[in-house]
Amino acid sequence: MSFPLSRAIAAALTVGAALPLAGCGGGPPPATFDLSAARDVGHIRGGQQLAVTEPVALQPLDGDRIIVRQGVSVSELAGAQWADRLPRLVQARLIQTFENGGRIGTVGRPSTLASAPAMLATELRAFNIEAPAGVAVVEITARIVQASGPVTAARIFRAEVPVEGGVTPASATRALDEALQQVLAQIARWASGR
């Protein structure tokens, strides 16, 4: 008689353990969005080799979620995510922006340009939708750091683009992408002359 009872307890435990897991997979997966490099940057003046580091970012921006801010409150845009961690995407698109300006071979990641005399170090200060204004804000600090150590130039770049038609995953990411392209073009033009 104890054998069937222990089987009944085991079956009950198995069903009980499976119930919480069933709720974890509910709902459709979030839509995934990518970012674009700036294309219309013109010819960027050549100069020394430049290693572009991955941007530094605080926790809300150091992931794949799309951030919405309302004052000091931070939330995630439901149903949407970036194609990769945001700092990694921004680094890749910044390098591509330099390449689009004719700087192929002289700009890259530190792993491919280990002996570059200078680095472009960046920090994501803002990359979010400002609610309720419905504006996409991208703000990046850029610093040129010589291999010998000193920072030789630094500047903050910012762009704001209105989110058209209400804040949806598609409209929010489109506005953030446009703001990023403006900032990347500004950074590439500025850094190429340093």
N, C-alpha and C. Protein backbone atom coordinates (compact mmCIF):
# COMPACT_ATOMS: atom_id res chain seq x y z
N MET A 1 0.82 -1.20 0.00
CA MET A 1 0.00 0.00 0.00
C MET A 1 0.87 1.27 0.00
N SER A 2 2.05 1.22 0.59
CA SER A 2 2.92 2.38 0.63
C SER A 2 3.51 2.68 -0.75
N PHE A 3 3.66 1.67 -1.58
CA PHE A 3 4.23 1.88 -2.91
C PHE A 3 3.34 2.76 -3.78
N PRO A 4 2.00 2.47 -3.91
CA PRO A 4 1.15 3.35 -4.69
C PRO A 4 1.07 4.76 -4.10
N LEU A 5 1.14 4.89 -2.78
CA LEU A 5 1.08 6.21 -2.15
C LEU A 5 2.32 7.04 -2.53
N SER A 6 3.49 6.39 -2.52
CA SER A 6 4.71 7.13 -2.87
C SER A 6 4.69 7.52 -4.35
N ARG A 7 4.08 6.67 -5.21
CA ARG A 7 3.94 7.03 -6.62
C ARG A 7 3.00 8.21 -6.77
N ALA A 8 1.95 8.26 -6.02
CA ALA A 8 0.99 9.36 -6.08
C ALA A 8 1.65 10.67 -5.63
N ILE A 9 2.47 10.59 -4.57
CA ILE A 9 3.18 11.78 -4.09
C ILE A 9 4.17 12.27 -5.14
N ALA A 10 4.90 11.33 -5.77
CA ALA A 10 5.86 11.69 -6.80
C ALA A 10 5.16 12.34 -7.99
N ALA A 11 4.01 11.80 -8.38
CA ALA A 11 3.26 12.37 -9.51
C ALA A 11 2.78 13.78 -9.16
N ALA A 12 2.30 13.96 -7.93
CA ALA A 12 1.83 15.28 -7.51
C ALA A 12 2.97 16.29 -7.50
N LEU A 13 4.15 15.87 -7.04
CA LEU A 13 5.31 16.76 -7.02
C LEU A 13 5.73 17.14 -8.44
N THR A 14 5.68 16.17 -9.36
CA THR A 14 6.07 16.43 -10.74
C THR A 14 5.12 17.45 -11.37
N VAL A 15 3.82 17.27 -11.19
CA VAL A 15 2.84 18.22 -11.73
C VAL A 15 3.01 19.58 -11.09
N GLY A 16 3.22 19.63 -9.77
CA GLY A 16 3.41 20.89 -9.06
C GLY A 16 4.64 21.63 -9.53
N ALA A 17 5.72 20.91 -9.83
CA ALA A 17 6.95 21.55 -10.30
C ALA A 17 6.78 22.06 -11.72
N ALA A 18 5.97 21.40 -12.52
CA ALA A 18 5.80 21.79 -13.91
C ALA A 18 4.92 23.03 -14.06
N LEU A 19 4.00 23.27 -13.13
CA LEU A 19 3.08 24.40 -13.25
C LEU A 19 3.79 25.75 -13.29
N PRO A 20 4.76 26.06 -12.39
CA PRO A 20 5.42 27.36 -12.49
C PRO A 20 6.18 27.52 -13.81
N LEU A 21 6.74 26.43 -14.33
CA LEU A 21 7.49 26.52 -15.57
C LEU A 21 6.58 26.83 -16.75
N ALA A 22 5.35 26.36 -16.71
CA ALA A 22 4.43 26.59 -17.81
C ALA A 22 4.15 28.08 -17.97
N GLY A 23 4.14 28.84 -16.88
CA GLY A 23 3.88 30.27 -16.94
C GLY A 23 5.06 31.05 -17.47
N CYS A 24 6.27 30.49 -17.42
CA CYS A 24 7.47 31.22 -17.85
C CYS A 24 7.51 31.44 -19.34
N GLY A 25 6.96 30.54 -20.13
CA GLY A 25 7.06 30.66 -21.58
C GLY A 25 5.87 31.36 -22.19
N GLY A 26 4.99 31.96 -21.38
CA GLY A 26 3.78 32.58 -21.91
C GLY A 26 4.06 33.83 -22.69
N GLY A 27 3.25 34.09 -23.69
CA GLY A 27 3.36 35.32 -24.47
C GLY A 27 4.36 35.21 -25.59
N PRO A 28 4.20 36.05 -26.59
CA PRO A 28 5.13 36.03 -27.73
C PRO A 28 6.49 36.59 -27.33
N PRO A 29 7.55 36.18 -28.02
CA PRO A 29 8.87 36.75 -27.73
C PRO A 29 8.90 38.21 -28.13
N PRO A 30 9.75 39.02 -27.49
CA PRO A 30 9.80 40.44 -27.85
C PRO A 30 10.34 40.63 -29.27
N ALA A 31 9.88 41.68 -29.94
CA ALA A 31 10.40 42.03 -31.26
C ALA A 31 11.83 42.52 -31.10
N THR A 32 12.69 42.15 -32.03
CA THR A 32 14.11 42.48 -31.96
C THR A 32 14.44 43.55 -33.00
N PHE A 33 15.17 44.59 -32.55
CA PHE A 33 15.51 45.72 -33.42
C PHE A 33 17.02 45.93 -33.45
N ASP A 34 17.51 46.38 -34.60
CA ASP A 34 18.93 46.65 -34.78
C ASP A 34 19.13 48.17 -34.88
N LEU A 35 20.37 48.59 -34.89
CA LEU A 35 20.73 50.00 -35.06
C LEU A 35 21.56 50.15 -36.33
N SER A 36 21.61 51.36 -36.86
CA SER A 36 22.31 51.62 -38.12
C SER A 36 23.51 52.53 -37.90
N ALA A 37 24.52 52.34 -38.73
CA ALA A 37 25.65 53.27 -38.77
C ALA A 37 25.23 54.49 -39.58
N ALA A 38 25.87 55.62 -39.31
CA ALA A 38 25.63 56.82 -40.12
C ALA A 38 26.26 56.61 -41.49
N ARG A 39 25.53 56.96 -42.54
CA ARG A 39 26.02 56.76 -43.91
C ARG A 39 26.47 58.06 -44.57
N ASP A 40 25.72 59.12 -44.38
CA ASP A 40 26.00 60.37 -45.08
C ASP A 40 26.96 61.24 -44.27
N VAL A 41 28.18 60.73 -44.10
CA VAL A 41 29.16 61.47 -43.30
C VAL A 41 30.19 62.17 -44.20
N GLY A 42 30.12 61.92 -45.51
CA GLY A 42 31.12 62.48 -46.40
C GLY A 42 32.44 61.76 -46.19
N HIS A 43 33.49 62.27 -46.81
CA HIS A 43 34.81 61.66 -46.63
C HIS A 43 35.41 62.16 -45.33
N ILE A 44 35.72 61.22 -44.44
CA ILE A 44 36.33 61.59 -43.16
C ILE A 44 37.84 61.63 -43.35
N ARG A 45 38.43 62.74 -42.97
CA ARG A 45 39.87 62.94 -43.14
C ARG A 45 40.65 61.83 -42.45
N GLY A 46 41.61 61.28 -43.16
CA GLY A 46 42.46 60.23 -42.59
C GLY A 46 43.41 60.79 -41.55
N GLY A 47 43.88 59.96 -40.70
CA GLY A 47 44.82 60.37 -39.66
C GLY A 47 45.45 59.13 -39.07
N GLN A 48 45.79 59.20 -37.81
CA GLN A 48 46.41 58.06 -37.15
C GLN A 48 45.39 56.94 -36.96
N GLN A 49 45.91 55.76 -36.71
CA GLN A 49 45.02 54.64 -36.38
C GLN A 49 44.31 54.93 -35.07
N LEU A 50 43.07 54.47 -34.99
CA LEU A 50 42.23 54.75 -33.83
C LEU A 50 41.50 53.47 -33.42
N ALA A 51 41.72 53.03 -32.19
CA ALA A 51 41.02 51.87 -31.66
C ALA A 51 39.76 52.35 -30.94
N VAL A 52 38.61 51.81 -31.33
CA VAL A 52 37.33 52.22 -30.77
C VAL A 52 36.92 51.20 -29.70
N THR A 53 36.88 51.63 -28.45
CA THR A 53 36.53 50.72 -27.36
C THR A 53 35.01 50.59 -27.25
N GLU A 54 34.57 49.55 -26.55
CA GLU A 54 33.15 49.39 -26.29
C GLU A 54 32.73 50.46 -25.29
N PRO A 55 31.62 51.15 -25.53
CA PRO A 55 31.19 52.20 -24.60
C PRO A 55 30.93 51.67 -23.20
N VAL A 56 31.23 52.51 -22.23
CA VAL A 56 30.89 52.24 -20.84
C VAL A 56 29.42 52.64 -20.66
N ALA A 57 28.68 51.87 -19.88
CA ALA A 57 27.27 52.20 -19.64
C ALA A 57 26.84 51.69 -18.28
N LEU A 58 25.99 52.46 -17.62
CA LEU A 58 25.40 52.00 -16.37
C LEU A 58 24.38 50.90 -16.66
N GLN A 59 23.98 50.18 -15.64
CA GLN A 59 23.17 48.98 -15.78
C GLN A 59 21.95 49.11 -16.69
N PRO A 60 21.11 50.13 -16.56
CA PRO A 60 19.93 50.16 -17.44
C PRO A 60 20.28 50.14 -18.93
N LEU A 61 21.43 50.73 -19.31
CA LEU A 61 21.82 50.78 -20.71
C LEU A 61 22.78 49.67 -21.10
N ASP A 62 23.22 48.88 -20.14
CA ASP A 62 24.19 47.82 -20.43
C ASP A 62 23.47 46.48 -20.64
N GLY A 63 22.51 46.48 -21.53
CA GLY A 63 21.75 45.27 -21.81
C GLY A 63 21.08 45.40 -23.17
N ASP A 64 20.05 44.59 -23.40
CA ASP A 64 19.38 44.62 -24.70
C ASP A 64 17.98 45.24 -24.64
N ARG A 65 17.61 45.81 -23.50
CA ARG A 65 16.26 46.38 -23.36
C ARG A 65 16.22 47.84 -23.80
N ILE A 66 15.07 48.26 -24.27
CA ILE A 66 14.86 49.63 -24.72
C ILE A 66 14.28 50.40 -23.54
N ILE A 67 14.95 51.47 -23.16
CA ILE A 67 14.66 52.17 -21.91
C ILE A 67 13.74 53.36 -22.14
N VAL A 68 12.76 53.50 -21.24
CA VAL A 68 11.86 54.65 -21.22
C VAL A 68 12.05 55.33 -19.86
N ARG A 69 12.30 56.65 -19.89
CA ARG A 69 12.48 57.42 -18.65
C ARG A 69 11.34 58.41 -18.49
N GLN A 70 10.91 58.54 -17.25
CA GLN A 70 9.96 59.59 -16.88
C GLN A 70 10.49 60.21 -15.60
N GLY A 71 11.17 61.33 -15.75
CA GLY A 71 11.86 61.93 -14.61
C GLY A 71 13.00 61.01 -14.19
N VAL A 72 12.98 60.59 -12.91
CA VAL A 72 14.02 59.68 -12.43
C VAL A 72 13.58 58.22 -12.51
N SER A 73 12.36 57.98 -12.96
CA SER A 73 11.84 56.62 -13.09
C SER A 73 12.31 56.00 -14.40
N VAL A 74 12.78 54.76 -14.32
CA VAL A 74 13.29 54.04 -15.49
C VAL A 74 12.48 52.77 -15.67
N SER A 75 12.01 52.53 -16.89
CA SER A 75 11.29 51.29 -17.20
C SER A 75 11.74 50.79 -18.56
N GLU A 76 11.29 49.58 -18.91
CA GLU A 76 11.63 48.98 -20.19
C GLU A 76 10.41 49.04 -21.11
N LEU A 77 10.64 49.26 -22.39
CA LEU A 77 9.56 49.26 -23.37
C LEU A 77 9.13 47.82 -23.59
N ALA A 78 7.89 47.52 -23.27
CA ALA A 78 7.38 46.15 -23.36
C ALA A 78 7.36 45.67 -24.80
N GLY A 79 7.71 44.41 -24.98
CA GLY A 79 7.61 43.76 -26.29
C GLY A 79 8.70 44.10 -27.26
N ALA A 80 9.84 44.66 -26.79
CA ALA A 80 10.91 45.06 -27.70
C ALA A 80 12.27 44.87 -27.04
N GLN A 81 13.27 44.58 -27.87
CA GLN A 81 14.65 44.44 -27.39
C GLN A 81 15.61 44.76 -28.53
N TRP A 82 16.86 45.10 -28.17
CA TRP A 82 17.90 45.30 -29.17
C TRP A 82 18.44 43.96 -29.62
N ALA A 83 19.10 43.93 -30.75
CA ALA A 83 19.63 42.68 -31.32
C ALA A 83 20.83 42.17 -30.54
N ASP A 84 21.44 42.99 -29.71
CA ASP A 84 22.60 42.61 -28.90
C ASP A 84 22.65 43.57 -27.72
N ARG A 85 23.65 43.43 -26.86
CA ARG A 85 23.84 44.41 -25.81
C ARG A 85 24.06 45.77 -26.45
N LEU A 86 23.43 46.80 -25.91
CA LEU A 86 23.50 48.14 -26.50
C LEU A 86 24.95 48.64 -26.66
N PRO A 87 25.83 48.54 -25.66
CA PRO A 87 27.20 49.02 -25.87
C PRO A 87 27.91 48.33 -27.03
N ARG A 88 27.70 47.05 -27.20
CA ARG A 88 28.34 46.32 -28.30
C ARG A 88 27.79 46.80 -29.65
N LEU A 89 26.48 47.03 -29.73
CA LEU A 89 25.89 47.54 -30.97
C LEU A 89 26.42 48.93 -31.31
N VAL A 90 26.51 49.80 -30.31
CA VAL A 90 26.99 51.16 -30.56
C VAL A 90 28.44 51.14 -31.02
N GLN A 91 29.27 50.31 -30.41
CA GLN A 91 30.67 50.19 -30.83
C GLN A 91 30.75 49.75 -32.30
N ALA A 92 29.99 48.72 -32.67
CA ALA A 92 30.02 48.22 -34.05
C ALA A 92 29.56 49.29 -35.03
N ARG A 93 28.49 50.02 -34.69
CA ARG A 93 27.96 51.03 -35.61
C ARG A 93 28.87 52.26 -35.68
N LEU A 94 29.61 52.56 -34.62
CA LEU A 94 30.56 53.66 -34.66
C LEU A 94 31.72 53.31 -35.59
N ILE A 95 32.24 52.09 -35.49
CA ILE A 95 33.31 51.66 -36.39
C ILE A 95 32.83 51.69 -37.83
N GLN A 96 31.60 51.22 -38.09
CA GLN A 96 31.05 51.23 -39.45
C GLN A 96 30.87 52.65 -39.96
N THR A 97 30.55 53.59 -39.08
CA THR A 97 30.42 54.99 -39.50
C THR A 97 31.76 55.52 -40.00
N PHE A 98 32.85 55.22 -39.29
CA PHE A 98 34.18 55.61 -39.76
C PHE A 98 34.47 54.96 -41.11
N GLU A 99 34.13 53.67 -41.25
CA GLU A 99 34.35 52.96 -42.51
C GLU A 99 33.55 53.59 -43.65
N ASN A 100 32.31 54.01 -43.36
CA ASN A 100 31.48 54.65 -44.38
C ASN A 100 32.07 55.98 -44.84
N GLY A 101 32.92 56.56 -44.02
CA GLY A 101 33.61 57.80 -44.38
C GLY A 101 34.98 57.57 -44.99
N GLY A 102 35.28 56.33 -45.34
CA GLY A 102 36.54 56.02 -46.02
C GLY A 102 37.70 55.71 -45.09
N ARG A 103 37.42 55.43 -43.82
CA ARG A 103 38.51 55.16 -42.88
C ARG A 103 38.70 53.66 -42.63
N ILE A 104 38.40 52.82 -43.60
CA ILE A 104 38.57 51.37 -43.46
C ILE A 104 40.05 51.07 -43.24
N GLY A 105 40.34 50.25 -42.27
CA GLY A 105 41.72 49.84 -42.00
C GLY A 105 42.43 50.68 -40.97
N THR A 106 41.96 51.91 -40.75
CA THR A 106 42.64 52.75 -39.76
C THR A 106 41.83 52.90 -38.48
N VAL A 107 40.61 52.32 -38.47
CA VAL A 107 39.76 52.34 -37.28
C VAL A 107 39.25 50.93 -37.05
N GLY A 108 39.26 50.48 -35.80
CA GLY A 108 38.77 49.15 -35.48
C GLY A 108 38.72 48.94 -33.98
N ARG A 109 38.44 47.71 -33.60
CA ARG A 109 38.41 47.35 -32.18
C ARG A 109 39.83 47.27 -31.64
N PRO A 110 40.02 47.44 -30.32
CA PRO A 110 41.37 47.32 -29.76
C PRO A 110 42.01 45.96 -30.05
N SER A 111 41.22 44.91 -30.19
CA SER A 111 41.77 43.59 -30.47
C SER A 111 42.39 43.51 -31.86
N THR A 112 41.91 44.31 -32.81
CA THR A 112 42.47 44.28 -34.17
C THR A 112 43.49 45.38 -34.41
N LEU A 113 43.49 46.41 -33.56
CA LEU A 113 44.46 47.51 -33.68
C LEU A 113 45.20 47.67 -32.36
N ALA A 114 45.85 46.60 -31.94
CA ALA A 114 46.51 46.60 -30.63
C ALA A 114 47.61 47.65 -30.52
N SER A 115 48.24 48.00 -31.64
CA SER A 115 49.33 48.98 -31.58
C SER A 115 48.89 50.39 -31.99
N ALA A 116 47.59 50.64 -32.01
CA ALA A 116 47.10 51.98 -32.38
C ALA A 116 47.62 53.02 -31.40
N PRO A 117 48.06 54.18 -31.88
CA PRO A 117 48.59 55.20 -30.99
C PRO A 117 47.53 55.91 -30.15
N ALA A 118 46.25 55.73 -30.52
CA ALA A 118 45.19 56.40 -29.76
C ALA A 118 43.94 55.54 -29.73
N MET A 119 43.12 55.77 -28.69
CA MET A 119 41.84 55.08 -28.53
C MET A 119 40.73 56.11 -28.47
N LEU A 120 39.57 55.71 -29.01
CA LEU A 120 38.36 56.50 -28.85
C LEU A 120 37.53 55.79 -27.79
N ALA A 121 37.48 56.38 -26.60
CA ALA A 121 36.73 55.81 -25.48
C ALA A 121 35.42 56.58 -25.34
N THR A 122 34.32 55.85 -25.23
CA THR A 122 33.01 56.50 -25.16
C THR A 122 32.22 56.01 -23.95
N GLU A 123 31.22 56.80 -23.60
CA GLU A 123 30.32 56.45 -22.49
C GLU A 123 28.90 56.81 -22.90
N LEU A 124 27.97 55.86 -22.73
CA LEU A 124 26.57 56.12 -23.00
C LEU A 124 25.97 56.86 -21.82
N ARG A 125 25.65 58.12 -22.00
CA ARG A 125 25.03 58.92 -20.94
C ARG A 125 23.52 58.84 -21.00
N ALA A 126 22.98 58.74 -22.21
CA ALA A 126 21.53 58.59 -22.39
C ALA A 126 21.30 57.84 -23.70
N PHE A 127 20.34 56.94 -23.68
CA PHE A 127 19.92 56.22 -24.88
C PHE A 127 18.53 55.70 -24.57
N ASN A 128 17.57 56.60 -24.63
CA ASN A 128 16.24 56.25 -24.13
C ASN A 128 15.16 57.14 -24.74
N ILE A 129 13.92 56.76 -24.44
CA ILE A 129 12.76 57.57 -24.78
C ILE A 129 12.41 58.38 -23.53
N GLU A 130 12.22 59.69 -23.72
CA GLU A 130 11.78 60.55 -22.63
C GLU A 130 10.25 60.64 -22.70
N ALA A 131 9.60 60.15 -21.65
CA ALA A 131 8.14 60.21 -21.58
C ALA A 131 7.78 61.27 -20.54
N PRO A 132 6.69 61.95 -20.67
CA PRO A 132 5.66 61.82 -21.71
C PRO A 132 5.93 62.65 -22.96
N ALA A 133 7.10 63.29 -23.06
CA ALA A 133 7.39 64.16 -24.21
C ALA A 133 7.43 63.38 -25.52
N GLY A 134 7.75 62.09 -25.44
CA GLY A 134 7.83 61.28 -26.66
C GLY A 134 9.01 61.66 -27.53
N VAL A 135 10.19 61.80 -26.89
CA VAL A 135 11.40 62.19 -27.61
C VAL A 135 12.48 61.13 -27.36
N ALA A 136 13.16 60.73 -28.43
CA ALA A 136 14.31 59.82 -28.31
C ALA A 136 15.55 60.65 -28.03
N VAL A 137 16.30 60.28 -27.01
CA VAL A 137 17.50 61.03 -26.61
C VAL A 137 18.71 60.10 -26.63
N VAL A 138 19.74 60.51 -27.37
CA VAL A 138 21.02 59.80 -27.38
C VAL A 138 22.09 60.81 -27.00
N GLU A 139 22.85 60.48 -25.96
CA GLU A 139 23.94 61.35 -25.51
C GLU A 139 25.14 60.48 -25.19
N ILE A 140 26.26 60.79 -25.84
CA ILE A 140 27.49 60.00 -25.69
C ILE A 140 28.66 60.93 -25.43
N THR A 141 29.45 60.59 -24.42
CA THR A 141 30.71 61.28 -24.16
C THR A 141 31.81 60.55 -24.93
N ALA A 142 32.65 61.32 -25.62
CA ALA A 142 33.76 60.72 -26.37
C ALA A 142 35.07 61.35 -25.91
N ARG A 143 36.09 60.49 -25.78
CA ARG A 143 37.42 60.95 -25.36
C ARG A 143 38.47 60.31 -26.26
N ILE A 144 39.43 61.10 -26.70
CA ILE A 144 40.60 60.57 -27.41
C ILE A 144 41.68 60.36 -26.36
N VAL A 145 42.10 59.11 -26.21
CA VAL A 145 43.11 58.76 -25.20
C VAL A 145 44.35 58.25 -25.93
N GLN A 146 45.48 58.92 -25.72
CA GLN A 146 46.72 58.50 -26.34
C GLN A 146 47.25 57.23 -25.67
N ALA A 147 47.98 56.43 -26.43
CA ALA A 147 48.53 55.18 -25.89
C ALA A 147 49.43 55.47 -24.69
N SER A 148 50.04 56.65 -24.67
CA SER A 148 50.92 57.02 -23.55
C SER A 148 50.13 57.39 -22.30
N GLY A 149 48.78 57.53 -22.42
CA GLY A 149 47.98 57.74 -21.23
C GLY A 149 47.08 58.94 -21.19
N PRO A 150 47.53 60.14 -21.62
CA PRO A 150 46.68 61.31 -21.40
C PRO A 150 45.48 61.39 -22.35
N VAL A 151 44.41 62.02 -21.84
CA VAL A 151 43.25 62.34 -22.67
C VAL A 151 43.59 63.64 -23.39
N THR A 152 43.53 63.62 -24.72
CA THR A 152 43.92 64.81 -25.49
C THR A 152 42.72 65.61 -25.98
N ALA A 153 41.53 65.01 -25.98
CA ALA A 153 40.33 65.73 -26.39
C ALA A 153 39.12 65.01 -25.81
N ALA A 154 38.09 65.78 -25.48
CA ALA A 154 36.86 65.18 -24.95
C ALA A 154 35.69 66.09 -25.30
N ARG A 155 34.54 65.46 -25.54
CA ARG A 155 33.36 66.23 -25.89
C ARG A 155 32.11 65.38 -25.66
N ILE A 156 30.99 66.04 -25.38
CA ILE A 156 29.69 65.37 -25.24
C ILE A 156 28.89 65.64 -26.50
N PHE A 157 28.31 64.58 -27.06
CA PHE A 157 27.49 64.67 -28.27
C PHE A 157 26.08 64.24 -27.92
N ARG A 158 25.09 64.99 -28.45
CA ARG A 158 23.70 64.72 -28.10
C ARG A 158 22.79 64.98 -29.30
N ALA A 159 21.76 64.16 -29.41
CA ALA A 159 20.72 64.37 -30.42
C ALA A 159 19.38 63.97 -29.82
N GLU A 160 18.34 64.70 -30.22
CA GLU A 160 16.97 64.40 -29.81
C GLU A 160 16.11 64.32 -31.06
N VAL A 161 15.29 63.27 -31.13
CA VAL A 161 14.41 63.07 -32.28
C VAL A 161 13.01 62.75 -31.76
N PRO A 162 11.98 63.44 -32.24
CA PRO A 162 10.62 63.13 -31.80
C PRO A 162 10.20 61.72 -32.21
N VAL A 163 9.45 61.07 -31.35
CA VAL A 163 8.88 59.77 -31.67
C VAL A 163 7.53 60.02 -32.34
N GLU A 164 7.42 59.65 -33.59
CA GLU A 164 6.21 59.92 -34.37
C GLU A 164 5.13 58.87 -34.11
N GLY A 165 3.89 59.32 -33.90
CA GLY A 165 2.76 58.40 -33.81
C GLY A 165 2.64 57.64 -32.51
N GLY A 166 3.15 58.18 -31.42
CA GLY A 166 3.05 57.49 -30.14
C GLY A 166 4.20 56.53 -29.93
N VAL A 167 4.45 56.20 -28.67
CA VAL A 167 5.60 55.35 -28.32
C VAL A 167 5.22 53.89 -28.47
N THR A 168 5.62 53.30 -29.60
CA THR A 168 5.48 51.87 -29.85
C THR A 168 6.88 51.32 -30.07
N PRO A 169 7.07 50.00 -30.03
CA PRO A 169 8.41 49.48 -30.31
C PRO A 169 8.99 49.97 -31.64
N ALA A 170 8.19 49.97 -32.70
CA ALA A 170 8.71 50.38 -34.01
C ALA A 170 9.04 51.87 -34.04
N SER A 171 8.15 52.72 -33.53
CA SER A 171 8.39 54.17 -33.60
C SER A 171 9.52 54.59 -32.65
N ALA A 172 9.59 53.97 -31.49
CA ALA A 172 10.64 54.31 -30.52
C ALA A 172 12.02 53.94 -31.04
N THR A 173 12.15 52.73 -31.59
CA THR A 173 13.46 52.30 -32.09
C THR A 173 13.87 53.07 -33.33
N ARG A 174 12.90 53.45 -34.16
CA ARG A 174 13.21 54.26 -35.35
C ARG A 174 13.77 55.61 -34.93
N ALA A 175 13.17 56.25 -33.94
CA ALA A 175 13.64 57.55 -33.46
C ALA A 175 15.00 57.44 -32.78
N LEU A 176 15.20 56.39 -31.98
CA LEU A 176 16.50 56.19 -31.33
C LEU A 176 17.59 55.93 -32.37
N ASP A 177 17.26 55.17 -33.42
CA ASP A 177 18.23 54.89 -34.48
C ASP A 177 18.62 56.18 -35.20
N GLU A 178 17.65 57.03 -35.48
CA GLU A 178 17.94 58.29 -36.16
C GLU A 178 18.81 59.20 -35.28
N ALA A 179 18.49 59.26 -33.99
CA ALA A 179 19.29 60.08 -33.06
C ALA A 179 20.72 59.54 -32.97
N LEU A 180 20.86 58.20 -32.91
CA LEU A 180 22.19 57.61 -32.85
C LEU A 180 22.99 57.94 -34.10
N GLN A 181 22.39 57.85 -35.28
CA GLN A 181 23.11 58.16 -36.51
C GLN A 181 23.64 59.60 -36.50
N GLN A 182 22.84 60.53 -35.99
CA GLN A 182 23.30 61.92 -35.89
C GLN A 182 24.52 62.03 -34.99
N VAL A 183 24.46 61.36 -33.84
CA VAL A 183 25.57 61.42 -32.87
C VAL A 183 26.81 60.73 -33.43
N LEU A 184 26.65 59.58 -34.08
CA LEU A 184 27.80 58.87 -34.63
C LEU A 184 28.50 59.69 -35.71
N ALA A 185 27.73 60.37 -36.55
CA ALA A 185 28.34 61.22 -37.58
C ALA A 185 29.13 62.36 -36.95
N GLN A 186 28.58 62.96 -35.90
CA GLN A 186 29.28 64.04 -35.20
C GLN A 186 30.58 63.54 -34.58
N ILE A 187 30.52 62.38 -33.94
CA ILE A 187 31.72 61.82 -33.29
C ILE A 187 32.79 61.51 -34.33
N ALA A 188 32.40 60.88 -35.43
CA ALA A 188 33.37 60.49 -36.45
C ALA A 188 34.06 61.69 -37.06
N ARG A 189 33.30 62.74 -37.36
CA ARG A 189 33.91 63.95 -37.92
C ARG A 189 34.85 64.62 -36.92
N TRP A 190 34.41 64.67 -35.66
CA TRP A 190 35.23 65.30 -34.61
C TRP A 190 36.52 64.52 -34.37
N ALA A 191 36.38 63.20 -34.22
CA ALA A 191 37.56 62.37 -33.87
C ALA A 191 38.55 62.25 -35.00
N SER A 192 38.09 62.34 -36.25
CA SER A 192 39.00 62.15 -37.37
C SER A 192 40.04 63.25 -37.48
N GLY A 193 39.74 64.40 -36.93
CA GLY A 193 40.71 65.50 -37.00
C GLY A 193 41.62 65.59 -35.80
N ARG A 194 41.57 64.61 -34.90
CA ARG A 194 42.37 64.69 -33.67
C ARG A 194 43.64 63.89 -33.79
